Amino acid sequence: PTGSELSRTGIKFDTLESLGEVDFGTGYDGMSVEAVRAGMYATYGSWAMGTIDRRMDGEGESGREVLERAADALHSLANIAVDNGGTVLAVSHSTYLRTLLGAVMDVPLVLAA
């Protein structure tokens, strides 16, 4: 549902920038979906193997920056949960969520995929 649809339900919601999708940069702008996907997979694969400072095509966020954002998001979500009786729902994107889950579960990223 969209934000306007949620507002009609009476459910309180907010947008956390720290939950946004990984910024892979602009180096692949205008390229085919296959080329972009290959670059994303190569970057995520590097992160999974421990090279967390790599950036896709030298631009965008590094794995370290994504992990720092994930830590900020978890802190914010914990505070929101306290204010809401322990309940919170978070929505994000696949690469970001795999990175976040790997950190939370203390497993290598390759196992969180």
C-alpha atoms as a PDB file:
ATOM      1  CA  PRO A   1       0.000   0.000   0.000  1.00  0.00           C
ATOM      2  CA  THR A   2       1.012   3.591  -0.543  1.00  0.00           C
ATOM      3  CA  GLY A   3       1.420   6.180   2.190  1.00  0.00           C
ATOM      4  CA  SER A   4      -1.951   7.728   1.367  1.00  0.00           C
ATOM      5  CA  GLU A   5      -3.639   4.311   1.565  1.00  0.00           C
ATOM      6  CA  LEU A   6      -2.060   3.655   4.959  1.00  0.00           C
ATOM      7  CA  SER A   7      -3.105   7.036   6.305  1.00  0.00           C
ATOM      8  CA  ARG A   8      -6.754   6.118   5.651  1.00  0.00           C
ATOM      9  CA  THR A   9      -6.401   3.035   7.869  1.00  0.00           C
ATOM     10  CA  GLY A  10      -5.402   5.023  10.935  1.00  0.00           C
ATOM     11  CA  ILE A  11      -2.102   3.132  11.109  1.00  0.00           C
ATOM     12  CA  LYS A  12       0.709   5.438  12.138  1.00  0.00           C
ATOM     13  CA  PHE A  13       3.645   5.267   9.754  1.00  0.00           C
ATOM     14  CA  ASP A  14       6.851   7.081   9.052  1.00  0.00           C
ATOM     15  CA  THR A  15       9.649   6.842   6.521  1.00  0.00           C
ATOM     16  CA  LEU A  16      13.150   6.067   7.754  1.00  0.00           C
ATOM     17  CA  GLU A  17      15.798   7.108   5.257  1.00  0.00           C
ATOM     18  CA  SER A  18      18.093   4.555   6.919  1.00  0.00           C
ATOM     19  CA  LEU A  19      15.877   1.760   5.489  1.00  0.00           C
ATOM     20  CA  GLY A  20      16.327   2.905   1.878  1.00  0.00           C
ATOM     21  CA  GLU A  21      17.685   0.588  -0.804  1.00  0.00           C
ATOM     22  CA  VAL A  22      21.413   0.370  -1.347  1.00  0.00           C
ATOM     23  CA  ASP A  23      22.704   3.244  -3.472  1.00  0.00           C
ATOM     24  CA  PHE A  24      24.766   1.565  -6.172  1.00  0.00           C
ATOM     25  CA  GLY A  25      25.655   4.903  -7.802  1.00  0.00           C
ATOM     26  CA  THR A  26      25.122   6.181 -11.315  1.00  0.00           C
ATOM     27  CA  GLY A  27      27.851   4.268 -13.129  1.00  0.00           C
ATOM     28  CA  TYR A  28      25.325   1.963 -14.771  1.00  0.00           C
ATOM     29  CA  ASP A  29      22.743   4.593 -15.752  1.00  0.00           C
ATOM     30  CA  GLY A  30      21.404   3.864 -19.220  1.00  0.00           C
ATOM     31  CA  MET A  31      22.790   0.337 -19.290  1.00  0.00           C
ATOM     32  CA  SER A  32      20.776  -2.836 -19.708  1.00  0.00           C
ATOM     33  CA  VAL A  33      19.090  -4.483 -16.754  1.00  0.00           C
ATOM     34  CA  GLU A  34      21.423  -7.461 -17.209  1.00  0.00           C
ATOM     35  CA  ALA A  35      24.530  -5.267 -16.946  1.00  0.00           C
ATOM     36  CA  VAL A  36      23.231  -3.505 -13.847  1.00  0.00           C
ATOM     37  CA  ARG A  37      22.246  -6.787 -12.237  1.00  0.00           C
ATOM     38  CA  ALA A  38      25.685  -8.268 -12.957  1.00  0.00           C
ATOM     39  CA  GLY A  39      27.349  -5.266 -11.331  1.00  0.00           C
ATOM     40  CA  MET A  40      25.081  -5.482  -8.286  1.00  0.00           C
ATOM     41  CA  TYR A  41      25.743  -9.210  -7.884  1.00  0.00           C
ATOM     42  CA  ALA A  42      29.493  -8.706  -8.217  1.00  0.00           C
ATOM     43  CA  THR A  43      29.450  -5.945  -5.607  1.00  0.00           C
ATOM     44  CA  TYR A  44      27.289  -7.899  -3.179  1.00  0.00           C
ATOM     45  CA  GLY A  45      29.464 -10.960  -3.765  1.00  0.00           C
ATOM     46  CA  SER A  46      32.531  -8.917  -2.821  1.00  0.00           C
ATOM     47  CA  TRP A  47      30.800  -7.757   0.350  1.00  0.00           C
ATOM     48  CA  ALA A  48      29.862 -11.356   1.148  1.00  0.00           C
ATOM     49  CA  MET A  49      33.520 -12.339   0.833  1.00  0.00           C
ATOM     50  CA  GLY A  50      34.587  -9.575   3.248  1.00  0.00           C
ATOM     51  CA  THR A  51      35.510  -6.750   0.878  1.00  0.00           C
ATOM     52  CA  ILE A  52      32.928  -4.436   2.439  1.00  0.00           C
ATOM     53  CA  ASP A  53      34.537  -1.191   1.299  1.00  0.00           C
ATOM     54  CA  ARG A  54      33.927  -1.974  -2.388  1.00  0.00           C
ATOM     55  CA  ARG A  55      31.521   0.272  -4.282  1.00  0.00           C
ATOM     56  CA  MET A  56      29.669  -0.720  -7.434  1.00  0.00           C
ATOM     57  CA  ASP A  57      31.667   0.711 -10.325  1.00  0.00           C
ATOM     58  CA  GLY A  58      33.509   2.902  -7.803  1.00  0.00           C
ATOM     59  CA  GLU A  59      30.347   4.851  -6.928  1.00  0.00           C
ATOM     60  CA  GLY A  60      27.453   4.574  -4.535  1.00  0.00           C
ATOM     61  CA  GLU A  61      27.558   3.118  -1.044  1.00  0.00           C
ATOM     62  CA  SER A  62      30.096   0.667   0.259  1.00  0.00           C
ATOM     63  CA  GLY A  63      29.022  -2.373   2.254  1.00  0.00           C
ATOM     64  CA  ARG A  64      30.420  -0.664   5.349  1.00  0.00           C
ATOM     65  CA  GLU A  65      28.164   2.349   4.780  1.00  0.00           C
ATOM     66  CA  VAL A  66      25.151   0.073   4.307  1.00  0.00           C
ATOM     67  CA  LEU A  67      25.969  -1.705   7.587  1.00  0.00           C
ATOM     68  CA  GLU A  68      26.295   1.643   9.380  1.00  0.00           C
ATOM     69  CA  ARG A  69      22.900   2.669   8.007  1.00  0.00           C
ATOM     70  CA  ALA A  70      21.442  -0.668   9.087  1.00  0.00           C
ATOM     71  CA  ALA A  71      22.736  -0.117  12.631  1.00  0.00           C
ATOM     72  CA  ASP A  72      21.081   3.323  12.646  1.00  0.00           C
ATOM     73  CA  ALA A  73      17.841   1.782  11.388  1.00  0.00           C
ATOM     74  CA  LEU A  74      17.842  -0.891  14.089  1.00  0.00           C
ATOM     75  CA  HIS A  75      18.408   1.730  16.772  1.00  0.00           C
ATOM     76  CA  SER A  76      15.547   3.849  15.392  1.00  0.00           C
ATOM     77  CA  LEU A  77      13.241   0.844  15.099  1.00  0.00           C
ATOM     78  CA  ALA A  78      13.971  -0.199  18.680  1.00  0.00           C
ATOM     79  CA  ASN A  79      13.037   3.282  19.890  1.00  0.00           C
ATOM     80  CA  ILE A  80       9.876   3.279  17.776  1.00  0.00           C
ATOM     81  CA  ALA A  81       8.922  -0.140  19.168  1.00  0.00           C
ATOM     82  CA  VAL A  82       9.312   1.132  22.735  1.00  0.00           C
ATOM     83  CA  ASP A  83       6.979   4.028  21.906  1.00  0.00           C
ATOM     84  CA  ASN A  84       4.449   1.646  20.309  1.00  0.00           C
ATOM     85  CA  GLY A  85       4.129  -1.072  22.915  1.00  0.00           C
ATOM     86  CA  GLY A  86       6.822  -3.250  21.381  1.00  0.00           C
ATOM     87  CA  THR A  87       5.379  -3.434  17.868  1.00  0.00           C
ATOM     88  CA  VAL A  88       6.987  -2.185  14.692  1.00  0.00           C
ATOM     89  CA  LEU A  89       6.860  -3.138  11.024  1.00  0.00           C
ATOM     90  CA  ALA A  90       9.704  -2.266   8.692  1.00  0.00           C
ATOM     91  CA  VAL A  91       9.790  -2.526   4.905  1.00  0.00           C
ATOM     92  CA  SER A  92      12.860  -2.225   2.701  1.00  0.00           C
ATOM     93  CA  HIS A  93      14.574  -3.839  -0.301  1.00  0.00           C
ATOM     94  CA  SER A  94      16.292  -7.182  -0.886  1.00  0.00           C
ATOM     95  CA  THR A  95      20.001  -6.339  -0.903  1.00  0.00           C
ATOM     96  CA  TYR A  96      19.611  -4.014   2.052  1.00  0.00           C
ATOM     97  CA  LEU A  97      17.575  -6.584   3.991  1.00  0.00           C
ATOM     98  CA  ARG A  98      20.086  -9.387   3.331  1.00  0.00           C
ATOM     99  CA  THR A  99      22.873  -7.125   4.587  1.00  0.00           C
ATOM    100  CA  LEU A 100      20.851  -6.165   7.663  1.00  0.00           C
ATOM    101  CA  LEU A 101      19.886  -9.774   8.440  1.00  0.00           C
ATOM    102  CA  GLY A 102      23.475 -10.949   8.075  1.00  0.00           C
ATOM    103  CA  ALA A 103      24.559  -8.360  10.632  1.00  0.00           C
ATOM    104  CA  VAL A 104      21.699  -9.107  13.049  1.00  0.00           C
ATOM    105  CA  MET A 105      22.123 -12.887  12.829  1.00  0.00           C
ATOM    106  CA  ASP A 106      25.926 -12.560  12.935  1.00  0.00           C
ATOM    107  CA  VAL A 107      26.335 -14.699   9.847  1.00  0.00           C
ATOM    108  CA  PRO A 108      28.423 -14.060   6.749  1.00  0.00           C
ATOM    109  CA  LEU A 109      26.511 -12.189   4.051  1.00  0.00           C
ATOM    110  CA  VAL A 110      26.822 -15.179   1.736  1.00  0.00           C
ATOM    111  CA  LEU A 111      24.634 -17.152   4.188  1.00  0.00           C
ATOM    112  CA  ALA A 112      22.124 -14.321   4.659  1.00  0.00           C
ATOM    113  CA  ALA A 113      21.291 -14.258   0.944  1.00  0.00           C
END
